[in-house]
């Protein structure tokens, strides 16, 4: 896949940390990864949907899931 299936812009390769929630925050999360500040775990949120989360984001993830199940959307 070379383009986004939603907006059709060209995809780019970017360095990121393993966490699906905060891993985009470069260079901070890359430094945390290299210094082993977080542990990482994979969760199957729904059948077939797996998320990798760092120990910091795991703490907050429960509040997001409760809001999704109550409203059907992810809070901003």
PDB file of N, CA and C in Angstrom:
ATOM      1  N   UNK A   1       0.854  -1.172   0.000  1.00  0.00           N
ATOM      2  CA  UNK A   1       0.000   0.000   0.000  1.00  0.00           C
ATOM      3  C   UNK A   1       0.903   1.240   0.000  1.00  0.00           C
ATOM      4  N   UNK A   2       0.711   2.099  -0.961  1.00  0.00           N
ATOM      5  CA  UNK A   2       1.519   3.307  -1.084  1.00  0.00           C
ATOM      6  C   UNK A   2       0.760   4.574  -0.718  1.00  0.00           C
ATOM      7  N   UNK A   3      -0.574   4.467  -0.622  1.00  0.00           N
ATOM      8  CA  UNK A   3      -1.400   5.642  -0.348  1.00  0.00           C
ATOM      9  C   UNK A   3      -2.412   5.341   0.748  1.00  0.00           C
ATOM     10  N   UNK A   4      -2.821   6.368   1.457  1.00  0.00           N
ATOM     11  CA  UNK A   4      -3.830   6.255   2.496  1.00  0.00           C
ATOM     12  C   UNK A   4      -5.157   5.821   1.876  1.00  0.00           C
ATOM     13  N   UNK A   5      -5.815   4.784   2.440  1.00  0.00           N
ATOM     14  CA  UNK A   5      -7.088   4.346   1.867  1.00  0.00           C
ATOM     15  C   UNK A   5      -8.234   5.328   2.117  1.00  0.00           C
ATOM     16  N   UNK A   6      -8.034   6.300   2.989  1.00  0.00           N
ATOM     17  CA  UNK A   6      -9.090   7.267   3.305  1.00  0.00           C
ATOM     18  C   UNK A   6      -8.934   8.547   2.486  1.00  0.00           C
ATOM     19  N   UNK A   7      -7.735   9.154   2.528  1.00  0.00           N
ATOM     20  CA  UNK A   7      -7.555  10.450   1.846  1.00  0.00           C
ATOM     21  C   UNK A   7      -6.654  10.364   0.611  1.00  0.00           C
ATOM     22  N   UNK A   8      -6.085   9.182   0.358  1.00  0.00           N
ATOM     23  CA  UNK A   8      -5.270   8.906  -0.833  1.00  0.00           C
ATOM     24  C   UNK A   8      -3.954   9.678  -0.906  1.00  0.00           C
ATOM     25  N   UNK A   9      -3.520  10.288   0.204  1.00  0.00           N
ATOM     26  CA  UNK A   9      -2.206  10.916   0.190  1.00  0.00           C
ATOM     27  C   UNK A   9      -1.135   9.834   0.268  1.00  0.00           C
ATOM     28  N   UNK A  10       0.046  10.157  -0.236  1.00  0.00           N
ATOM     29  CA  UNK A  10       1.136   9.194  -0.234  1.00  0.00           C
ATOM     30  C   UNK A  10       1.593   8.918   1.198  1.00  0.00           C
ATOM     31  N   UNK A  11       1.823   7.644   1.512  1.00  0.00           N
ATOM     32  CA  UNK A  11       2.278   7.268   2.842  1.00  0.00           C
ATOM     33  C   UNK A  11       3.764   7.545   2.976  1.00  0.00           C
ATOM     34  N   UNK A  12       4.202   7.777   4.207  1.00  0.00           N
ATOM     35  CA  UNK A  12       5.613   8.008   4.467  1.00  0.00           C
ATOM     36  C   UNK A  12       6.071   7.102   5.601  1.00  0.00           C
ATOM     37  N   UNK A  13       7.338   6.771   5.616  1.00  0.00           N
ATOM     38  CA  UNK A  13       7.915   5.953   6.672  1.00  0.00           C
ATOM     39  C   UNK A  13       8.434   6.898   7.748  1.00  0.00           C
ATOM     40  N   UNK A  14       8.020   6.624   9.004  1.00  0.00           N
ATOM     41  CA  UNK A  14       8.431   7.471  10.124  1.00  0.00           C
ATOM     42  C   UNK A  14       8.913   6.591  11.264  1.00  0.00           C
ATOM     43  N   UNK A  15       9.879   7.079  11.992  1.00  0.00           N
ATOM     44  CA  UNK A  15      10.348   6.392  13.184  1.00  0.00           C
ATOM     45  C   UNK A  15       9.339   6.639  14.306  1.00  0.00           C
ATOM     46  N   UNK A  16       9.031   5.583  15.055  1.00  0.00           N
ATOM     47  CA  UNK A  16       8.091   5.729  16.166  1.00  0.00           C
ATOM     48  C   UNK A  16       8.361   4.649  17.208  1.00  0.00           C
ATOM     49  N   UNK A  17       7.803   4.847  18.390  1.00  0.00           N
ATOM     50  CA  UNK A  17       7.896   3.859  19.467  1.00  0.00           C
ATOM     51  C   UNK A  17       6.759   2.853  19.302  1.00  0.00           C
ATOM     52  N   UNK A  18       6.810   1.696  19.995  1.00  0.00           N
ATOM     53  CA  UNK A  18       5.810   0.654  19.801  1.00  0.00           C
ATOM     54  C   UNK A  18       4.390   0.972  20.281  1.00  0.00           C
ATOM     55  N   UNK A  19       4.201   1.992  21.109  1.00  0.00           N
ATOM     56  CA  UNK A  19       2.878   2.287  21.653  1.00  0.00           C
ATOM     57  C   UNK A  19       1.986   2.934  20.588  1.00  0.00           C
ATOM     58  N   UNK A  20       0.789   2.360  20.381  1.00  0.00           N
ATOM     59  CA  UNK A  20      -0.147   2.910  19.394  1.00  0.00           C
ATOM     60  C   UNK A  20      -0.750   4.235  19.841  1.00  0.00           C
ATOM     61  N   UNK A  21      -0.684   4.551  21.118  1.00  0.00           N
ATOM     62  CA  UNK A  21      -1.270   5.794  21.616  1.00  0.00           C
ATOM     63  C   UNK A  21      -0.274   6.948  21.593  1.00  0.00           C
ATOM     64  N   UNK A  22       0.914   6.758  22.145  1.00  0.00           N
ATOM     65  CA  UNK A  22       1.864   7.873  22.262  1.00  0.00           C
ATOM     66  C   UNK A  22       3.141   7.694  21.444  1.00  0.00           C
ATOM     67  N   UNK A  23       3.278   6.585  20.731  1.00  0.00           N
ATOM     68  CA  UNK A  23       4.513   6.283  20.007  1.00  0.00           C
ATOM     69  C   UNK A  23       4.885   7.276  18.929  1.00  0.00           C
ATOM     70  N   UNK A  24       3.946   8.089  18.475  1.00  0.00           N
ATOM     71  CA  UNK A  24       4.190   9.086  17.428  1.00  0.00           C
ATOM     72  C   UNK A  24       4.992  10.270  17.959  1.00  0.00           C
ATOM     73  N   UNK A  25       5.045  10.458  19.279  1.00  0.00           N
ATOM     74  CA  UNK A  25       5.647  11.648  19.893  1.00  0.00           C
ATOM     75  C   UNK A  25       7.168  11.544  19.890  1.00  0.00           C
ATOM     76  N   UNK A  26       7.758  11.816  18.735  1.00  0.00           N
ATOM     77  CA  UNK A  26       9.201  11.716  18.533  1.00  0.00           C
ATOM     78  C   UNK A  26       9.829  13.073  18.801  1.00  0.00           C
ATOM     79  N   UNK A  27      10.965  13.225  19.437  1.00  0.00           N
ATOM     80  CA  UNK A  27      11.900  12.172  19.842  1.00  0.00           C
ATOM     81  C   UNK A  27      11.679  11.650  21.259  1.00  0.00           C
ATOM     82  N   UNK A  28      10.769  12.226  22.020  1.00  0.00           N
ATOM     83  CA  UNK A  28      10.596  11.855  23.423  1.00  0.00           C
ATOM     84  C   UNK A  28      10.338  10.376  23.644  1.00  0.00           C
ATOM     85  N   UNK A  29       9.425   9.786  22.905  1.00  0.00           N
ATOM     86  CA  UNK A  29       9.099   8.381  23.116  1.00  0.00           C
ATOM     87  C   UNK A  29      10.196   7.451  22.613  1.00  0.00           C
ATOM     88  N   UNK A  30      10.932   7.851  21.586  1.00  0.00           N
ATOM     89  CA  UNK A  30      12.066   7.052  21.112  1.00  0.00           C
ATOM     90  C   UNK A  30      13.144   7.021  22.201  1.00  0.00           C
ATOM     91  N   UNK A  31      13.381   8.153  22.842  1.00  0.00           N
ATOM     92  CA  UNK A  31      14.358   8.207  23.939  1.00  0.00           C
ATOM     93  C   UNK A  31      13.909   7.331  25.102  1.00  0.00           C
ATOM     94  N   UNK A  32      12.619   7.392  25.435  1.00  0.00           N
ATOM     95  CA  UNK A  32      12.089   6.539  26.508  1.00  0.00           C
ATOM     96  C   UNK A  32      12.248   5.063  26.166  1.00  0.00           C
ATOM     97  N   UNK A  33      12.022   4.705  24.898  1.00  0.00           N
ATOM     98  CA  UNK A  33      12.188   3.330  24.448  1.00  0.00           C
ATOM     99  C   UNK A  33      13.643   2.889  24.603  1.00  0.00           C
ATOM    100  N   UNK A  34      14.570   3.711  24.165  1.00  0.00           N
ATOM    101  CA  UNK A  34      15.987   3.367  24.248  1.00  0.00           C
ATOM    102  C   UNK A  34      16.473   3.262  25.694  1.00  0.00           C
ATOM    103  N   UNK A  35      15.892   4.076  26.584  1.00  0.00           N
ATOM    104  CA  UNK A  35      16.273   4.057  27.994  1.00  0.00           C
ATOM    105  C   UNK A  35      15.452   3.049  28.802  1.00  0.00           C
ATOM    106  N   UNK A  36      14.545   2.340  28.118  1.00  0.00           N
ATOM    107  CA  UNK A  36      13.687   1.314  28.727  1.00  0.00           C
ATOM    108  C   UNK A  36      12.887   1.867  29.905  1.00  0.00           C
ATOM    109  N   UNK A  37      12.319   3.073  29.715  1.00  0.00           N
ATOM    110  CA  UNK A  37      11.503   3.697  30.753  1.00  0.00           C
ATOM    111  C   UNK A  37      10.119   3.070  30.864  1.00  0.00           C
ATOM    112  N   UNK A  38       9.630   2.454  29.783  1.00  0.00           N
ATOM    113  CA  UNK A  38       8.291   1.853  29.765  1.00  0.00           C
ATOM    114  C   UNK A  38       8.395   0.368  29.442  1.00  0.00           C
ATOM    115  N   UNK A  39       7.372  -0.372  29.857  1.00  0.00           N
ATOM    116  CA  UNK A  39       7.185  -1.727  29.372  1.00  0.00           C
ATOM    117  C   UNK A  39       6.024  -1.662  28.377  1.00  0.00           C
ATOM    118  N   UNK A  40       5.913  -2.655  27.525  1.00  0.00           N
ATOM    119  CA  UNK A  40       4.889  -2.653  26.487  1.00  0.00           C
ATOM    120  C   UNK A  40       4.113  -3.965  26.528  1.00  0.00           C
ATOM    121  N   UNK A  41       2.832  -3.874  26.220  1.00  0.00           N
ATOM    122  CA  UNK A  41       1.978  -5.065  26.170  1.00  0.00           C
ATOM    123  C   UNK A  41       0.982  -4.907  25.028  1.00  0.00           C
ATOM    124  N   UNK A  42       0.535  -6.047  24.502  1.00  0.00           N
ATOM    125  CA  UNK A  42      -0.449  -6.058  23.420  1.00  0.00           C
ATOM    126  C   UNK A  42      -1.798  -6.486  23.986  1.00  0.00           C
ATOM    127  N   UNK A  43      -2.840  -5.734  23.648  1.00  0.00           N
ATOM    128  CA  UNK A  43      -4.194  -6.014  24.096  1.00  0.00           C
ATOM    129  C   UNK A  43      -5.089  -6.237  22.881  1.00  0.00           C
ATOM    130  N   UNK A  44      -5.964  -7.230  22.965  1.00  0.00           N
ATOM    131  CA  UNK A  44      -6.960  -7.419  21.921  1.00  0.00           C
ATOM    132  C   UNK A  44      -8.224  -6.714  22.401  1.00  0.00           C
ATOM    133  N   UNK A  45      -8.475  -5.523  21.860  1.00  0.00           N
ATOM    134  CA  UNK A  45      -9.568  -4.671  22.306  1.00  0.00           C
ATOM    135  C   UNK A  45     -10.904  -5.223  21.825  1.00  0.00           C
ATOM    136  N   UNK A  46     -10.975  -5.543  20.547  1.00  0.00           N
ATOM    137  CA  UNK A  46     -12.122  -6.207  19.932  1.00  0.00           C
ATOM    138  C   UNK A  46     -11.567  -7.369  19.117  1.00  0.00           C
ATOM    139  N   UNK A  47     -12.396  -8.270  18.705  1.00  0.00           N
ATOM    140  CA  UNK A  47     -11.927  -9.414  17.912  1.00  0.00           C
ATOM    141  C   UNK A  47     -11.138  -8.925  16.700  1.00  0.00           C
ATOM    142  N   UNK A  48      -9.867  -9.282  16.647  1.00  0.00           N
ATOM    143  CA  UNK A  48      -9.015  -8.896  15.529  1.00  0.00           C
ATOM    144  C   UNK A  48      -8.363  -7.533  15.642  1.00  0.00           C
ATOM    145  N   UNK A  49      -8.728  -6.719  16.644  1.00  0.00           N
ATOM    146  CA  UNK A  49      -8.119  -5.391  16.820  1.00  0.00           C
ATOM    147  C   UNK A  49      -7.172  -5.433  18.009  1.00  0.00           C
ATOM    148  N   UNK A  50      -5.881  -5.397  17.712  1.00  0.00           N
ATOM    149  CA  UNK A  50      -4.863  -5.451  18.759  1.00  0.00           C
ATOM    150  C   UNK A  50      -4.152  -4.114  18.854  1.00  0.00           C
ATOM    151  N   UNK A  51      -3.905  -3.687  20.091  1.00  0.00           N
ATOM    152  CA  UNK A  51      -3.182  -2.446  20.346  1.00  0.00           C
ATOM    153  C   UNK A  51      -1.970  -2.731  21.210  1.00  0.00           C
ATOM    154  N   UNK A  52      -0.840  -2.136  20.855  1.00  0.00           N
ATOM    155  CA  UNK A  52       0.341  -2.158  21.699  1.00  0.00           C
ATOM    156  C   UNK A  52       0.315  -0.888  22.533  1.00  0.00           C
ATOM    157  N   UNK A  53       0.414  -1.031  23.843  1.00  0.00           N
ATOM    158  CA  UNK A  53       0.403   0.133  24.734  1.00  0.00           C
ATOM    159  C   UNK A  53       1.592   0.082  25.668  1.00  0.00           C
ATOM    160  N   UNK A  54       2.133   1.259  25.977  1.00  0.00           N
ATOM    161  CA  UNK A  54       3.205   1.353  26.964  1.00  0.00           C
ATOM    162  C   UNK A  54       2.581   1.377  28.361  1.00  0.00           C
ATOM    163  N   UNK A  55       3.416   1.195  29.374  1.00  0.00           N
ATOM    164  CA  UNK A  55       2.920   1.143  30.749  1.00  0.00           C
ATOM    165  C   UNK A  55       2.220   2.438  31.148  1.00  0.00           C
ATOM    166  N   UNK A  56       2.642   3.567  30.616  1.00  0.00           N
ATOM    167  CA  UNK A  56       2.000   4.842  30.931  1.00  0.00           C
ATOM    168  C   UNK A  56       0.595   4.914  30.328  1.00  0.00           C
ATOM    169  N   UNK A  57       0.448   4.538  29.059  1.00  0.00           N
ATOM    170  CA  UNK A  57      -0.849   4.615  28.385  1.00  0.00           C
ATOM    171  C   UNK A  57      -1.823   3.545  28.868  1.00  0.00           C
ATOM    172  N   UNK A  58      -1.294   2.414  29.382  1.00  0.00           N
ATOM    173  CA  UNK A  58      -2.165   1.372  29.932  1.00  0.00           C
ATOM    174  C   UNK A  58      -3.008   1.915  31.079  1.00  0.00           C
ATOM    175  N   UNK A  59      -2.430   2.800  31.873  1.00  0.00           N
ATOM    176  CA  UNK A  59      -3.124   3.353  33.037  1.00  0.00           C
ATOM    177  C   UNK A  59      -4.361   4.133  32.604  1.00  0.00           C
ATOM    178  N   UNK A  60      -4.261   4.897  31.525  1.00  0.00           N
ATOM    179  CA  UNK A  60      -5.361   5.743  31.071  1.00  0.00           C
ATOM    180  C   UNK A  60      -6.324   5.031  30.130  1.00  0.00           C
ATOM    181  N   UNK A  61      -5.936   3.884  29.596  1.00  0.00           N
ATOM    182  CA  UNK A  61      -6.740   3.235  28.570  1.00  0.00           C
ATOM    183  C   UNK A  61      -8.128   2.847  29.064  1.00  0.00           C
ATOM    184  N   UNK A  62      -8.262   2.462  30.303  1.00  0.00           N
ATOM    185  CA  UNK A  62      -9.564   2.086  30.846  1.00  0.00           C
ATOM    186  C   UNK A  62     -10.589   3.196  30.760  1.00  0.00           C
ATOM    187  N   UNK A  63     -10.179   4.434  30.954  1.00  0.00           N
ATOM    188  CA  UNK A  63     -11.127   5.547  30.870  1.00  0.00           C
ATOM    189  C   UNK A  63     -11.589   5.761  29.431  1.00  0.00           C
ATOM    190  N   UNK A  64     -10.737   5.504  28.469  1.00  0.00           N
ATOM    191  CA  UNK A  64     -11.124   5.636  27.066  1.00  0.00           C
ATOM    192  C   UNK A  64     -12.129   4.550  26.698  1.00  0.00           C
ATOM    193  N   UNK A  65     -11.890   3.316  27.111  1.00  0.00           N
ATOM    194  CA  UNK A  65     -12.783   2.210  26.782  1.00  0.00           C
ATOM    195  C   UNK A  65     -14.166   2.444  27.380  1.00  0.00           C
ATOM    196  N   UNK A  66     -14.253   2.921  28.623  1.00  0.00           N
ATOM    197  CA  UNK A  66     -15.560   3.207  29.224  1.00  0.00           C
ATOM    198  C   UNK A  66     -16.301   4.264  28.420  1.00  0.00           C
ATOM    199  N   UNK A  67     -15.602   5.304  27.972  1.00  0.00           N
ATOM    200  CA  UNK A  67     -16.251   6.355  27.197  1.00  0.00           C
ATOM    201  C   UNK A  67     -16.687   5.862  25.823  1.00  0.00           C
ATOM    202  N   UNK A  68     -15.920   4.969  25.222  1.00  0.00           N
ATOM    203  CA  UNK A  68     -16.301   4.419  23.925  1.00  0.00           C
ATOM    204  C   UNK A  68     -17.574   3.592  24.075  1.00  0.00           C
ATOM    205  N   UNK A  69     -17.609   2.729  25.089  1.00  0.00           N
ATOM    206  CA  UNK A  69     -18.773   1.857  25.225  1.00  0.00           C
ATOM    207  C   UNK A  69     -20.030   2.643  25.582  1.00  0.00           C
ATOM    208  N   UNK A  70     -19.893   3.768  26.268  1.00  0.00           N
ATOM    209  CA  UNK A  70     -21.061   4.557  26.646  1.00  0.00           C
ATOM    210  C   UNK A  70     -21.584   5.389  25.478  1.00  0.00           C
ATOM    211  N   UNK A  71     -20.682   5.954  24.668  1.00  0.00           N
ATOM    212  CA  UNK A  71     -21.113   6.878  23.625  1.00  0.00           C
ATOM    213  C   UNK A  71     -20.971   6.347  22.213  1.00  0.00           C
ATOM    214  N   UNK A  72     -20.150   5.305  22.034  1.00  0.00           N
ATOM    215  CA  UNK A  72     -19.918   4.769  20.706  1.00  0.00           C
ATOM    216  C   UNK A  72     -18.835   5.503  19.931  1.00  0.00           C
ATOM    217  N   UNK A  73     -18.234   6.540  20.535  1.00  0.00           N
ATOM    218  CA  UNK A  73     -17.160   7.280  19.877  1.00  0.00           C
ATOM    219  C   UNK A  73     -16.009   7.477  20.837  1.00  0.00           C
ATOM    220  N   UNK A  74     -14.837   7.725  20.298  1.00  0.00           N
ATOM    221  CA  UNK A  74     -13.660   7.992  21.115  1.00  0.00           C
ATOM    222  C   UNK A  74     -13.680   9.456  21.519  1.00  0.00           C
ATOM    223  N   UNK A  75     -13.521   9.764  22.819  1.00  0.00           N
ATOM    224  CA  UNK A  75     -13.544  11.167  23.248  1.00  0.00           C
ATOM    225  C   UNK A  75     -12.335  11.926  22.728  1.00  0.00           C
ATOM    226  N   UNK A  76     -12.474  13.215  22.494  1.00  0.00           N
ATOM    227  CA  UNK A  76     -11.355  14.021  22.001  1.00  0.00           C
ATOM    228  C   UNK A  76     -10.552  14.566  23.152  1.00  0.00           C
TER     229      UNK A  76
END
